[in-house]
Amino acid sequence: MKPQASKWRKSSYSGENGGDCIELADLATVVGVRDSKDPEGPCLGVTRADFAAVTEVIKRG
């Protein structure tokens, strides 16, 4: 999956030091996830339900 004209966002918690970060994009039917250090690389498409479930697990620790 390699979407062309998407607006990718990086967490505001990410520093500007080029650390390990992911970027997210609203790709209409899925949430796109990619490595911020490799924006031309591959992209993972995750359903909104699965993304919400993962986010909840992360929030709980």
N, C-alpha and C. Protein backbone atom coordinates (compact mmCIF):
# COMPACT_ATOMS: atom_id res chain seq x y z
N MET A 1 0.85 -1.17 0.00
CA MET A 1 0.00 0.00 0.00
C MET A 1 0.90 1.23 0.00
N LYS A 2 0.68 2.13 -0.95
CA LYS A 2 1.48 3.34 -1.02
C LYS A 2 0.61 4.51 -1.47
N PRO A 3 -0.11 5.13 -0.53
CA PRO A 3 -0.98 6.25 -0.89
C PRO A 3 -0.19 7.47 -1.31
N GLN A 4 -0.74 8.21 -2.25
CA GLN A 4 -0.04 9.35 -2.81
C GLN A 4 -0.29 10.66 -2.06
N ALA A 5 -1.52 11.13 -2.05
CA ALA A 5 -1.80 12.48 -1.57
C ALA A 5 -2.46 12.48 -0.20
N SER A 6 -1.81 11.92 0.77
CA SER A 6 -2.36 11.88 2.11
C SER A 6 -1.63 12.86 3.01
N LYS A 7 -2.35 13.38 3.98
CA LYS A 7 -1.72 14.25 4.97
C LYS A 7 -1.29 13.38 6.14
N TRP A 8 -0.01 13.22 6.29
CA TRP A 8 0.55 12.39 7.35
C TRP A 8 0.81 13.23 8.58
N ARG A 9 0.56 12.65 9.77
CA ARG A 9 0.75 13.36 11.03
C ARG A 9 1.65 12.54 11.95
N LYS A 10 2.52 13.25 12.64
CA LYS A 10 3.37 12.63 13.65
C LYS A 10 2.90 13.14 15.01
N SER A 11 2.99 12.32 16.01
CA SER A 11 2.54 12.70 17.35
C SER A 11 3.24 13.96 17.84
N SER A 12 2.49 14.78 18.56
CA SER A 12 3.09 15.99 19.14
C SER A 12 4.07 15.62 20.25
N TYR A 13 4.01 14.38 20.74
CA TYR A 13 4.94 13.89 21.75
C TYR A 13 6.29 13.52 21.14
N SER A 14 6.35 13.42 19.81
CA SER A 14 7.61 13.09 19.14
C SER A 14 8.52 14.30 19.14
N GLY A 15 9.77 14.09 19.43
CA GLY A 15 10.73 15.18 19.40
C GLY A 15 11.20 15.46 18.00
N GLU A 16 11.98 16.49 17.85
CA GLU A 16 12.54 16.85 16.55
C GLU A 16 13.90 16.21 16.33
N ASN A 17 14.28 15.28 17.19
CA ASN A 17 15.62 14.69 17.11
C ASN A 17 15.70 13.51 16.14
N GLY A 18 14.63 13.23 15.40
CA GLY A 18 14.68 12.15 14.42
C GLY A 18 14.63 10.78 15.04
N GLY A 19 14.02 10.65 16.20
CA GLY A 19 13.93 9.36 16.88
C GLY A 19 12.98 8.40 16.18
N ASP A 20 12.68 7.32 16.87
CA ASP A 20 11.79 6.30 16.33
C ASP A 20 10.35 6.78 16.43
N CYS A 21 9.77 7.13 15.30
CA CYS A 21 8.41 7.65 15.28
C CYS A 21 7.62 7.00 14.16
N ILE A 22 6.32 6.97 14.34
CA ILE A 22 5.45 6.58 13.25
C ILE A 22 4.62 7.78 12.87
N GLU A 23 4.09 7.74 11.66
CA GLU A 23 3.18 8.77 11.19
C GLU A 23 1.87 8.09 10.82
N LEU A 24 0.77 8.83 10.96
CA LEU A 24 -0.55 8.33 10.66
C LEU A 24 -1.22 9.19 9.61
N ALA A 25 -2.10 8.58 8.83
CA ALA A 25 -2.88 9.32 7.84
C ALA A 25 -4.27 8.73 7.74
N ASP A 26 -5.26 9.58 7.53
CA ASP A 26 -6.63 9.14 7.28
C ASP A 26 -6.72 8.80 5.81
N LEU A 27 -6.86 7.52 5.51
CA LEU A 27 -6.91 7.07 4.12
C LEU A 27 -8.31 6.62 3.73
N ALA A 28 -9.30 7.30 4.24
CA ALA A 28 -10.73 7.07 3.96
C ALA A 28 -11.23 5.78 4.61
N THR A 29 -10.81 4.64 4.14
CA THR A 29 -11.34 3.38 4.68
C THR A 29 -10.44 2.76 5.75
N VAL A 30 -9.20 3.20 5.84
CA VAL A 30 -8.26 2.68 6.83
C VAL A 30 -7.40 3.80 7.40
N VAL A 31 -6.70 3.49 8.47
CA VAL A 31 -5.69 4.40 9.02
C VAL A 31 -4.35 3.93 8.48
N GLY A 32 -3.63 4.82 7.82
CA GLY A 32 -2.31 4.48 7.29
C GLY A 32 -1.26 4.70 8.37
N VAL A 33 -0.32 3.77 8.46
CA VAL A 33 0.77 3.85 9.43
C VAL A 33 2.08 3.65 8.68
N ARG A 34 3.05 4.56 8.90
CA ARG A 34 4.34 4.41 8.24
C ARG A 34 5.47 4.89 9.16
N ASP A 35 6.68 4.54 8.82
CA ASP A 35 7.88 4.94 9.54
C ASP A 35 8.24 6.37 9.13
N SER A 36 8.33 7.27 10.09
CA SER A 36 8.63 8.67 9.75
C SER A 36 10.00 8.85 9.14
N LYS A 37 10.91 7.92 9.40
CA LYS A 37 12.26 8.02 8.83
C LYS A 37 12.31 7.52 7.38
N ASP A 38 11.23 6.88 6.90
CA ASP A 38 11.20 6.32 5.56
C ASP A 38 9.85 6.63 4.90
N PRO A 39 9.57 7.93 4.67
CA PRO A 39 8.26 8.31 4.15
C PRO A 39 7.94 7.74 2.76
N GLU A 40 8.93 7.35 2.02
CA GLU A 40 8.69 6.76 0.69
C GLU A 40 8.59 5.24 0.77
N GLY A 41 8.78 4.70 1.97
CA GLY A 41 8.74 3.26 2.16
C GLY A 41 7.31 2.74 2.25
N PRO A 42 7.17 1.52 2.72
CA PRO A 42 5.84 0.89 2.79
C PRO A 42 4.94 1.54 3.83
N CYS A 43 3.65 1.31 3.65
CA CYS A 43 2.62 1.83 4.54
C CYS A 43 1.72 0.67 4.93
N LEU A 44 1.35 0.62 6.19
CA LEU A 44 0.43 -0.40 6.68
C LEU A 44 -0.95 0.22 6.79
N GLY A 45 -1.96 -0.44 6.25
CA GLY A 45 -3.34 0.02 6.38
C GLY A 45 -4.04 -0.78 7.46
N VAL A 46 -4.59 -0.09 8.46
CA VAL A 46 -5.24 -0.74 9.60
C VAL A 46 -6.68 -0.25 9.67
N THR A 47 -7.63 -1.16 9.89
CA THR A 47 -9.02 -0.71 10.01
C THR A 47 -9.15 0.23 11.21
N ARG A 48 -10.13 1.09 11.16
CA ARG A 48 -10.34 2.04 12.26
C ARG A 48 -10.62 1.30 13.56
N ALA A 49 -11.38 0.23 13.49
CA ALA A 49 -11.71 -0.54 14.70
C ALA A 49 -10.44 -1.15 15.31
N ASP A 50 -9.60 -1.74 14.47
CA ASP A 50 -8.35 -2.32 14.98
C ASP A 50 -7.42 -1.26 15.53
N PHE A 51 -7.35 -0.12 14.86
CA PHE A 51 -6.50 0.97 15.34
C PHE A 51 -6.98 1.47 16.70
N ALA A 52 -8.29 1.62 16.85
CA ALA A 52 -8.85 2.07 18.12
C ALA A 52 -8.56 1.06 19.23
N ALA A 53 -8.65 -0.22 18.91
CA ALA A 53 -8.36 -1.26 19.91
C ALA A 53 -6.91 -1.22 20.35
N VAL A 54 -5.99 -1.08 19.41
CA VAL A 54 -4.56 -1.00 19.74
C VAL A 54 -4.28 0.24 20.58
N THR A 55 -4.88 1.35 20.21
CA THR A 55 -4.69 2.59 20.95
C THR A 55 -5.15 2.44 22.40
N GLU A 56 -6.27 1.79 22.61
CA GLU A 56 -6.77 1.57 23.98
C GLU A 56 -5.83 0.70 24.78
N VAL A 57 -5.28 -0.34 24.18
CA VAL A 57 -4.33 -1.20 24.88
C VAL A 57 -3.08 -0.41 25.27
N ILE A 58 -2.59 0.43 24.37
CA ILE A 58 -1.40 1.24 24.65
C ILE A 58 -1.69 2.22 25.79
N LYS A 59 -2.85 2.84 25.76
CA LYS A 59 -3.20 3.80 26.83
C LYS A 59 -3.23 3.14 28.20
N ARG A 60 -3.69 1.90 28.25
CA ARG A 60 -3.78 1.18 29.52
C ARG A 60 -2.43 0.69 30.03
N GLY A 61 -1.45 0.69 29.13
CA GLY A 61 -0.10 0.27 29.53
C GLY A 61 0.06 -1.18 29.42
